[in-house]
Amino acid sequence: MTPEQFADLISSVTRQIAGKPLDKPLESELNASFPADGEVFESIFSACRQGVEDGWMCNREAGGVKFGRVVKAGDDTHGFSVDVVEMDSIRGPHHRHPNGEIDMIMPLTEDAKFDGRGQGWLVYGPDSAHSPTVSDGKALVLYLLPQGAIDFSKT
């Protein structure tokens, strides 16, 4: 799996959601169309594990969080950027999502949760903010950001 192949894989998701409001109905649609036990979710999860192992994904680290922007926002991903983080029972830096954020939660340990949620999809609407937190173990989290927009809080 290369970064280019990964962008092609994730475009199967972004193609379906392009132009839709980032809200709870979209979260429900993602969980129904790309369920955690489904082929697309499993393919993306496997590609993320392989990308981390190969060293081109989550290849930066700060404050105990491994991270990296895998794909810049562009036509290939329908205007979404793709970031992936690896977190192990840790709270990440507070930030705001000017255009919203879509999270694909991939537990690496069975009970791991991201912002209190297990494996699956979580959608934050425009202008939402949080300190991303993985509890009860280790997880990969893929972030889809419309136009790549994210504002980290000054501390």
N, C-alpha and C. Protein backbone atom coordinates (compact mmCIF):
# COMPACT_ATOMS: atom_id res chain seq x y z
N MET A 1 0.85 -1.19 0.00
CA MET A 1 0.00 0.00 0.00
C MET A 1 0.89 1.24 0.00
N THR A 2 0.67 2.09 -0.97
CA THR A 2 1.39 3.36 -1.06
C THR A 2 0.45 4.49 -0.67
N PRO A 3 0.99 5.69 -0.41
CA PRO A 3 0.10 6.82 -0.12
C PRO A 3 -0.89 7.09 -1.26
N GLU A 4 -0.48 6.89 -2.50
CA GLU A 4 -1.37 7.10 -3.63
C GLU A 4 -2.49 6.07 -3.65
N GLN A 5 -2.16 4.82 -3.39
CA GLN A 5 -3.17 3.76 -3.32
C GLN A 5 -4.12 4.01 -2.16
N PHE A 6 -3.57 4.53 -1.06
CA PHE A 6 -4.40 4.84 0.10
C PHE A 6 -5.41 5.94 -0.26
N ALA A 7 -4.96 6.96 -0.97
CA ALA A 7 -5.87 8.05 -1.39
C ALA A 7 -6.99 7.48 -2.25
N ASP A 8 -6.66 6.55 -3.15
CA ASP A 8 -7.69 5.92 -3.98
C ASP A 8 -8.69 5.15 -3.11
N LEU A 9 -8.18 4.44 -2.12
CA LEU A 9 -9.04 3.66 -1.23
C LEU A 9 -10.00 4.57 -0.45
N ILE A 10 -9.48 5.64 0.13
CA ILE A 10 -10.32 6.52 0.95
C ILE A 10 -11.31 7.31 0.09
N SER A 11 -11.00 7.46 -1.20
CA SER A 11 -11.93 8.19 -2.07
C SER A 11 -13.25 7.44 -2.23
N SER A 12 -13.27 6.13 -1.95
CA SER A 12 -14.55 5.40 -2.01
C SER A 12 -15.51 5.91 -0.94
N VAL A 13 -14.96 6.44 0.14
CA VAL A 13 -15.79 7.03 1.20
C VAL A 13 -16.09 8.49 0.87
N THR A 14 -15.05 9.26 0.53
CA THR A 14 -15.26 10.69 0.32
C THR A 14 -16.17 10.97 -0.88
N ARG A 15 -16.16 10.10 -1.86
CA ARG A 15 -17.05 10.27 -3.03
C ARG A 15 -18.51 10.28 -2.58
N GLN A 16 -18.85 9.39 -1.66
CA GLN A 16 -20.24 9.27 -1.21
C GLN A 16 -20.68 10.44 -0.33
N ILE A 17 -19.74 11.04 0.40
CA ILE A 17 -20.13 12.06 1.38
C ILE A 17 -19.85 13.49 0.90
N ALA A 18 -19.21 13.64 -0.23
CA ALA A 18 -18.86 14.97 -0.73
C ALA A 18 -20.10 15.87 -0.82
N GLY A 19 -19.98 17.07 -0.27
CA GLY A 19 -21.04 18.06 -0.34
C GLY A 19 -22.14 17.91 0.69
N LYS A 20 -22.10 16.86 1.49
CA LYS A 20 -23.14 16.67 2.51
C LYS A 20 -22.78 17.39 3.79
N PRO A 21 -23.79 17.84 4.54
CA PRO A 21 -23.51 18.49 5.82
C PRO A 21 -22.88 17.50 6.81
N LEU A 22 -21.92 17.99 7.58
CA LEU A 22 -21.31 17.15 8.61
C LEU A 22 -22.18 17.25 9.85
N ASP A 23 -22.99 16.21 10.05
CA ASP A 23 -23.97 16.20 11.13
C ASP A 23 -24.28 14.76 11.54
N LYS A 24 -25.18 14.58 12.47
CA LYS A 24 -25.53 13.24 12.97
C LYS A 24 -26.12 12.34 11.88
N PRO A 25 -26.97 12.86 10.96
CA PRO A 25 -27.43 11.99 9.88
C PRO A 25 -26.27 11.45 9.02
N LEU A 26 -25.24 12.26 8.80
CA LEU A 26 -24.09 11.77 8.04
C LEU A 26 -23.36 10.69 8.83
N GLU A 27 -23.25 10.88 10.14
CA GLU A 27 -22.63 9.85 10.99
C GLU A 27 -23.39 8.52 10.86
N SER A 28 -24.72 8.60 10.90
CA SER A 28 -25.53 7.39 10.73
C SER A 28 -25.33 6.77 9.36
N GLU A 29 -25.26 7.60 8.33
CA GLU A 29 -25.04 7.10 6.97
C GLU A 29 -23.69 6.39 6.85
N LEU A 30 -22.64 6.99 7.41
CA LEU A 30 -21.32 6.37 7.36
C LEU A 30 -21.31 5.02 8.07
N ASN A 31 -21.93 4.96 9.25
CA ASN A 31 -21.96 3.70 10.00
C ASN A 31 -22.80 2.64 9.31
N ALA A 32 -23.79 3.05 8.51
CA ALA A 32 -24.60 2.09 7.76
C ALA A 32 -23.93 1.68 6.45
N SER A 33 -23.35 2.65 5.75
CA SER A 33 -22.75 2.37 4.44
C SER A 33 -21.37 1.71 4.53
N PHE A 34 -20.63 2.08 5.57
CA PHE A 34 -19.27 1.58 5.76
C PHE A 34 -19.13 1.05 7.19
N PRO A 35 -19.89 0.01 7.55
CA PRO A 35 -19.89 -0.47 8.94
C PRO A 35 -18.52 -1.00 9.36
N ALA A 36 -18.28 -0.97 10.66
CA ALA A 36 -16.99 -1.40 11.20
C ALA A 36 -16.65 -2.84 10.85
N ASP A 37 -17.65 -3.67 10.60
CA ASP A 37 -17.38 -5.06 10.23
C ASP A 37 -17.48 -5.27 8.72
N GLY A 38 -17.52 -4.18 7.96
CA GLY A 38 -17.67 -4.28 6.51
C GLY A 38 -16.34 -4.25 5.77
N GLU A 39 -16.41 -4.56 4.50
CA GLU A 39 -15.21 -4.69 3.66
C GLU A 39 -14.42 -3.38 3.52
N VAL A 40 -15.11 -2.26 3.28
CA VAL A 40 -14.40 -1.00 3.09
C VAL A 40 -13.70 -0.57 4.37
N PHE A 41 -14.42 -0.63 5.49
CA PHE A 41 -13.83 -0.24 6.78
C PHE A 41 -12.61 -1.12 7.06
N GLU A 42 -12.77 -2.42 6.90
CA GLU A 42 -11.66 -3.34 7.16
C GLU A 42 -10.47 -3.07 6.24
N SER A 43 -10.74 -2.74 4.97
CA SER A 43 -9.67 -2.44 4.03
C SER A 43 -8.89 -1.19 4.44
N ILE A 44 -9.62 -0.16 4.85
CA ILE A 44 -8.97 1.08 5.30
C ILE A 44 -8.18 0.82 6.57
N PHE A 45 -8.77 0.10 7.52
CA PHE A 45 -8.10 -0.22 8.78
C PHE A 45 -6.81 -0.99 8.51
N SER A 46 -6.89 -1.98 7.65
CA SER A 46 -5.71 -2.77 7.30
C SER A 46 -4.64 -1.90 6.64
N ALA A 47 -5.06 -1.02 5.74
CA ALA A 47 -4.12 -0.12 5.07
C ALA A 47 -3.45 0.82 6.06
N CYS A 48 -4.20 1.28 7.06
CA CYS A 48 -3.62 2.15 8.09
C CYS A 48 -2.58 1.40 8.91
N ARG A 49 -2.93 0.20 9.34
CA ARG A 49 -1.95 -0.61 10.10
C ARG A 49 -0.69 -0.82 9.28
N GLN A 50 -0.85 -1.13 7.98
CA GLN A 50 0.30 -1.37 7.11
C GLN A 50 1.10 -0.09 6.90
N GLY A 51 0.43 1.04 6.71
CA GLY A 51 1.11 2.32 6.53
C GLY A 51 1.94 2.71 7.74
N VAL A 52 1.40 2.45 8.95
CA VAL A 52 2.16 2.73 10.18
C VAL A 52 3.37 1.81 10.24
N GLU A 53 3.15 0.54 9.97
CA GLU A 53 4.25 -0.44 10.00
C GLU A 53 5.33 -0.08 8.98
N ASP A 54 4.93 0.38 7.80
CA ASP A 54 5.88 0.73 6.75
C ASP A 54 6.57 2.07 6.99
N GLY A 55 6.04 2.87 7.94
CA GLY A 55 6.69 4.11 8.32
C GLY A 55 6.26 5.36 7.58
N TRP A 56 5.30 5.29 6.66
CA TRP A 56 4.88 6.51 5.97
C TRP A 56 3.61 7.11 6.57
N MET A 57 3.01 6.42 7.52
CA MET A 57 1.82 6.93 8.19
C MET A 57 2.14 7.07 9.68
N CYS A 58 1.65 8.15 10.30
CA CYS A 58 1.91 8.42 11.73
C CYS A 58 3.41 8.48 11.99
N ASN A 59 4.14 9.16 11.10
CA ASN A 59 5.59 9.19 11.19
C ASN A 59 6.15 10.40 11.93
N ARG A 60 5.27 11.14 12.60
CA ARG A 60 5.69 12.26 13.46
C ARG A 60 5.14 11.99 14.85
N GLU A 61 5.74 12.61 15.85
CA GLU A 61 5.26 12.40 17.21
C GLU A 61 5.44 13.67 18.03
N ALA A 62 4.44 13.96 18.85
CA ALA A 62 4.50 15.09 19.78
C ALA A 62 3.61 14.76 20.96
N GLY A 63 4.13 14.92 22.15
CA GLY A 63 3.34 14.71 23.36
C GLY A 63 2.74 13.32 23.48
N GLY A 64 3.41 12.32 22.93
CA GLY A 64 2.91 10.95 23.03
C GLY A 64 1.90 10.56 21.97
N VAL A 65 1.61 11.48 21.04
CA VAL A 65 0.67 11.20 19.95
C VAL A 65 1.47 11.09 18.65
N LYS A 66 1.31 9.96 17.98
CA LYS A 66 1.92 9.79 16.65
C LYS A 66 0.89 10.26 15.63
N PHE A 67 1.34 11.00 14.61
CA PHE A 67 0.37 11.61 13.69
C PHE A 67 1.00 11.89 12.34
N GLY A 68 0.17 12.29 11.42
CA GLY A 68 0.64 12.73 10.12
C GLY A 68 -0.50 12.97 9.16
N ARG A 69 -0.33 13.97 8.31
CA ARG A 69 -1.28 14.21 7.23
C ARG A 69 -0.89 13.27 6.10
N VAL A 70 -1.80 12.38 5.76
CA VAL A 70 -1.54 11.35 4.76
C VAL A 70 -1.88 11.86 3.36
N VAL A 71 -2.96 12.63 3.26
CA VAL A 71 -3.42 13.16 1.97
C VAL A 71 -3.87 14.60 2.18
N LYS A 72 -3.34 15.50 1.35
CA LYS A 72 -3.81 16.89 1.39
C LYS A 72 -5.18 16.97 0.74
N ALA A 73 -5.96 17.95 1.17
CA ALA A 73 -7.28 18.16 0.57
C ALA A 73 -7.13 18.43 -0.91
N GLY A 74 -7.93 17.74 -1.71
CA GLY A 74 -7.85 17.94 -3.15
C GLY A 74 -8.95 17.18 -3.87
N ASP A 75 -8.88 17.24 -5.19
CA ASP A 75 -9.92 16.62 -6.01
C ASP A 75 -9.99 15.10 -5.80
N ASP A 76 -8.84 14.46 -5.60
CA ASP A 76 -8.82 12.99 -5.45
C ASP A 76 -9.65 12.52 -4.26
N THR A 77 -9.71 13.35 -3.23
CA THR A 77 -10.48 12.99 -2.03
C THR A 77 -11.66 13.94 -1.83
N HIS A 78 -12.12 14.53 -2.92
CA HIS A 78 -13.34 15.33 -2.92
C HIS A 78 -13.31 16.49 -1.92
N GLY A 79 -12.12 17.10 -1.78
CA GLY A 79 -11.97 18.26 -0.91
C GLY A 79 -11.63 17.95 0.53
N PHE A 80 -11.47 16.69 0.88
CA PHE A 80 -11.11 16.31 2.25
C PHE A 80 -9.61 16.05 2.35
N SER A 81 -9.01 16.49 3.45
CA SER A 81 -7.67 16.02 3.79
C SER A 81 -7.85 14.77 4.65
N VAL A 82 -6.78 13.98 4.73
CA VAL A 82 -6.81 12.75 5.53
C VAL A 82 -5.62 12.78 6.47
N ASP A 83 -5.89 12.75 7.76
CA ASP A 83 -4.86 12.65 8.79
C ASP A 83 -5.10 11.36 9.55
N VAL A 84 -4.04 10.75 10.03
CA VAL A 84 -4.17 9.56 10.87
C VAL A 84 -3.31 9.76 12.10
N VAL A 85 -3.88 9.43 13.26
CA VAL A 85 -3.14 9.49 14.53
C VAL A 85 -3.16 8.13 15.19
N GLU A 86 -2.14 7.88 15.98
CA GLU A 86 -2.08 6.69 16.84
C GLU A 86 -1.95 7.20 18.26
N MET A 87 -2.90 6.81 19.10
CA MET A 87 -2.94 7.29 20.47
C MET A 87 -3.15 6.11 21.42
N ASP A 88 -2.51 6.17 22.57
CA ASP A 88 -2.61 5.11 23.56
C ASP A 88 -2.97 5.72 24.91
N SER A 89 -4.25 5.65 25.25
CA SER A 89 -4.76 6.17 26.53
C SER A 89 -4.18 7.55 26.83
N ILE A 90 -4.48 8.50 25.95
CA ILE A 90 -3.92 9.85 26.05
C ILE A 90 -4.91 10.87 25.52
N ARG A 91 -4.75 12.08 26.03
CA ARG A 91 -5.56 13.21 25.56
C ARG A 91 -4.69 14.05 24.63
N GLY A 92 -5.20 14.34 23.45
CA GLY A 92 -4.45 15.13 22.47
C GLY A 92 -4.72 16.62 22.60
N PRO A 93 -4.09 17.41 21.74
CA PRO A 93 -4.22 18.87 21.82
C PRO A 93 -5.60 19.36 21.40
N HIS A 94 -6.10 20.34 22.16
CA HIS A 94 -7.40 20.93 21.88
C HIS A 94 -7.37 21.64 20.52
N HIS A 95 -8.43 21.44 19.75
CA HIS A 95 -8.53 22.10 18.46
C HIS A 95 -9.99 22.29 18.06
N ARG A 96 -10.17 23.16 17.06
CA ARG A 96 -11.49 23.48 16.53
C ARG A 96 -11.56 23.01 15.09
N HIS A 97 -12.75 22.61 14.68
CA HIS A 97 -13.00 22.15 13.31
C HIS A 97 -13.85 23.21 12.60
N PRO A 98 -13.25 24.15 11.89
CA PRO A 98 -14.03 25.20 11.24
C PRO A 98 -15.12 24.63 10.32
N ASN A 99 -14.81 23.55 9.60
CA ASN A 99 -15.76 22.96 8.66
C ASN A 99 -16.27 21.60 9.10
N GLY A 100 -15.93 21.20 10.32
CA GLY A 100 -16.31 19.90 10.83
C GLY A 100 -15.19 18.89 10.70
N GLU A 101 -15.44 17.70 11.23
CA GLU A 101 -14.45 16.62 11.22
C GLU A 101 -15.18 15.29 11.23
N ILE A 102 -14.69 14.37 10.43
CA ILE A 102 -15.21 13.00 10.40
C ILE A 102 -14.11 12.09 10.91
N ASP A 103 -14.43 11.29 11.91
CA ASP A 103 -13.44 10.40 12.53
C ASP A 103 -13.80 8.95 12.27
N MET A 104 -12.82 8.19 11.82
CA MET A 104 -12.94 6.75 11.68
C MET A 104 -12.12 6.15 12.81
N ILE A 105 -12.80 5.50 13.75
CA ILE A 105 -12.17 5.00 14.98
C ILE A 105 -11.81 3.53 14.78
N MET A 106 -10.51 3.23 14.96
CA MET A 106 -9.99 1.88 14.71
C MET A 106 -9.20 1.41 15.94
N PRO A 107 -9.86 0.75 16.88
CA PRO A 107 -9.16 0.29 18.09
C PRO A 107 -8.09 -0.75 17.75
N LEU A 108 -6.91 -0.55 18.33
CA LEU A 108 -5.83 -1.53 18.21
C LEU A 108 -5.84 -2.48 19.39
N THR A 109 -6.45 -2.03 20.50
CA THR A 109 -6.72 -2.92 21.62
C THR A 109 -8.24 -2.95 21.80
N GLU A 110 -8.75 -4.07 22.19
CA GLU A 110 -10.19 -4.35 22.13
C GLU A 110 -11.10 -3.28 22.73
N ASP A 111 -10.76 -2.76 23.89
CA ASP A 111 -11.66 -1.84 24.58
C ASP A 111 -11.36 -0.36 24.33
N ALA A 112 -10.40 -0.06 23.48
CA ALA A 112 -10.03 1.34 23.23
C ALA A 112 -11.21 2.13 22.68
N LYS A 113 -11.32 3.37 23.16
CA LYS A 113 -12.38 4.27 22.74
C LYS A 113 -11.77 5.62 22.37
N PHE A 114 -12.40 6.29 21.43
CA PHE A 114 -12.02 7.64 21.04
C PHE A 114 -13.18 8.55 21.41
N ASP A 115 -12.91 9.53 22.26
CA ASP A 115 -13.95 10.43 22.75
C ASP A 115 -15.17 9.64 23.24
N GLY A 116 -14.88 8.52 23.91
CA GLY A 116 -15.93 7.70 24.51
C GLY A 116 -16.62 6.75 23.55
N ARG A 117 -16.18 6.69 22.30
CA ARG A 117 -16.83 5.85 21.29
C ARG A 117 -15.89 4.74 20.82
N GLY A 118 -16.46 3.57 20.59
CA GLY A 118 -15.70 2.44 20.07
C GLY A 118 -15.59 2.48 18.56
N GLN A 119 -15.21 1.37 17.99
CA GLN A 119 -14.96 1.26 16.55
C GLN A 119 -16.16 1.73 15.74
N GLY A 120 -15.86 2.53 14.71
CA GLY A 120 -16.90 3.05 13.84
C GLY A 120 -16.61 4.50 13.46
N TRP A 121 -17.67 5.20 13.08
CA TRP A 121 -17.57 6.58 12.60
C TRP A 121 -18.16 7.55 13.60
N LEU A 122 -17.55 8.73 13.71
CA LEU A 122 -18.02 9.81 14.58
C LEU A 122 -17.89 11.09 13.77
N VAL A 123 -18.93 11.92 13.78
CA VAL A 123 -18.92 13.17 13.01
C VAL A 123 -19.09 14.35 13.97
N TYR A 124 -18.19 15.32 13.83
CA TYR A 124 -18.30 16.60 14.52
C TYR A 124 -18.67 17.66 13.49
N GLY A 125 -19.67 18.47 13.79
CA GLY A 125 -20.12 19.50 12.87
C GLY A 125 -19.20 20.69 12.80
N PRO A 126 -19.48 21.61 11.87
CA PRO A 126 -18.70 22.83 11.74
C PRO A 126 -18.67 23.62 13.05
N ASP A 127 -17.53 24.21 13.31
CA ASP A 127 -17.27 25.04 14.49
C ASP A 127 -17.24 24.26 15.80
N SER A 128 -17.18 22.94 15.74
CA SER A 128 -17.06 22.15 16.95
C SER A 128 -15.59 22.15 17.40
N ALA A 129 -15.37 21.76 18.63
CA ALA A 129 -14.01 21.72 19.18
C ALA A 129 -13.93 20.62 20.23
N HIS A 130 -12.72 20.11 20.42
CA HIS A 130 -12.53 19.09 21.45
C HIS A 130 -11.04 18.87 21.70
N SER A 131 -10.75 18.15 22.77
CA SER A 131 -9.43 17.61 23.03
C SER A 131 -9.56 16.12 22.75
N PRO A 132 -9.10 15.64 21.59
CA PRO A 132 -9.30 14.24 21.24
C PRO A 132 -8.66 13.33 22.27
N THR A 133 -9.43 12.34 22.71
CA THR A 133 -8.98 11.49 23.80
C THR A 133 -9.21 10.02 23.47
N VAL A 134 -8.15 9.25 23.58
CA VAL A 134 -8.28 7.80 23.48
C VAL A 134 -8.14 7.25 24.89
N SER A 135 -9.11 6.44 25.28
CA SER A 135 -9.12 5.84 26.61
C SER A 135 -9.16 4.31 26.48
N ASP A 136 -8.78 3.64 27.55
CA ASP A 136 -8.88 2.18 27.65
C ASP A 136 -8.07 1.43 26.61
N GLY A 137 -6.97 2.01 26.16
CA GLY A 137 -6.11 1.30 25.23
C GLY A 137 -5.61 2.15 24.09
N LYS A 138 -5.24 1.47 23.02
CA LYS A 138 -4.58 2.08 21.87
C LYS A 138 -5.48 2.04 20.64
N ALA A 139 -5.48 3.14 19.88
CA ALA A 139 -6.32 3.20 18.68
C ALA A 139 -5.65 4.04 17.60
N LEU A 140 -6.02 3.72 16.38
CA LEU A 140 -5.76 4.61 15.25
C LEU A 140 -7.04 5.37 14.99
N VAL A 141 -6.91 6.65 14.65
CA VAL A 141 -8.07 7.45 14.30
C VAL A 141 -7.74 8.18 13.00
N LEU A 142 -8.58 8.00 12.01
CA LEU A 142 -8.44 8.68 10.73
C LEU A 142 -9.38 9.88 10.76
N TYR A 143 -8.86 11.06 10.42
CA TYR A 143 -9.64 12.29 10.39
C TYR A 143 -9.83 12.75 8.96
N LEU A 144 -11.06 12.97 8.56
CA LEU A 144 -11.36 13.62 7.29
C LEU A 144 -11.75 15.06 7.61
N LEU A 145 -11.00 16.00 7.06
CA LEU A 145 -11.25 17.42 7.31
C LEU A 145 -11.58 18.12 6.00
N PRO A 146 -12.80 18.69 5.88
CA PRO A 146 -13.13 19.44 4.67
C PRO A 146 -12.14 20.59 4.47
N GLN A 147 -11.57 20.65 3.29
CA GLN A 147 -10.55 21.64 2.92
C GLN A 147 -9.33 21.61 3.86
N GLY A 148 -9.18 20.55 4.63
CA GLY A 148 -8.01 20.41 5.51
C GLY A 148 -8.02 21.37 6.68
N ALA A 149 -9.17 21.97 6.97
CA ALA A 149 -9.24 23.04 7.97
C ALA A 149 -9.26 22.50 9.40
N ILE A 150 -8.30 22.99 10.20
CA ILE A 150 -8.23 22.67 11.62
C ILE A 150 -7.50 23.82 12.30
N ASP A 151 -7.99 24.23 13.46
CA ASP A 151 -7.36 25.32 14.22
C ASP A 151 -6.99 24.81 15.60
N PHE A 152 -5.69 24.68 15.85
CA PHE A 152 -5.23 24.24 17.16
C PHE A 152 -5.25 25.40 18.13
N SER A 153 -5.72 25.15 19.35
CA SER A 153 -5.82 26.18 20.38
C SER A 153 -4.42 26.53 20.88
N LYS A 154 -4.25 27.79 21.19
CA LYS A 154 -2.98 28.23 21.78
C LYS A 154 -3.03 27.93 23.27
N THR A 155 -1.94 27.37 23.77
CA THR A 155 -1.91 27.04 25.21
C THR A 155 -0.82 27.77 25.91
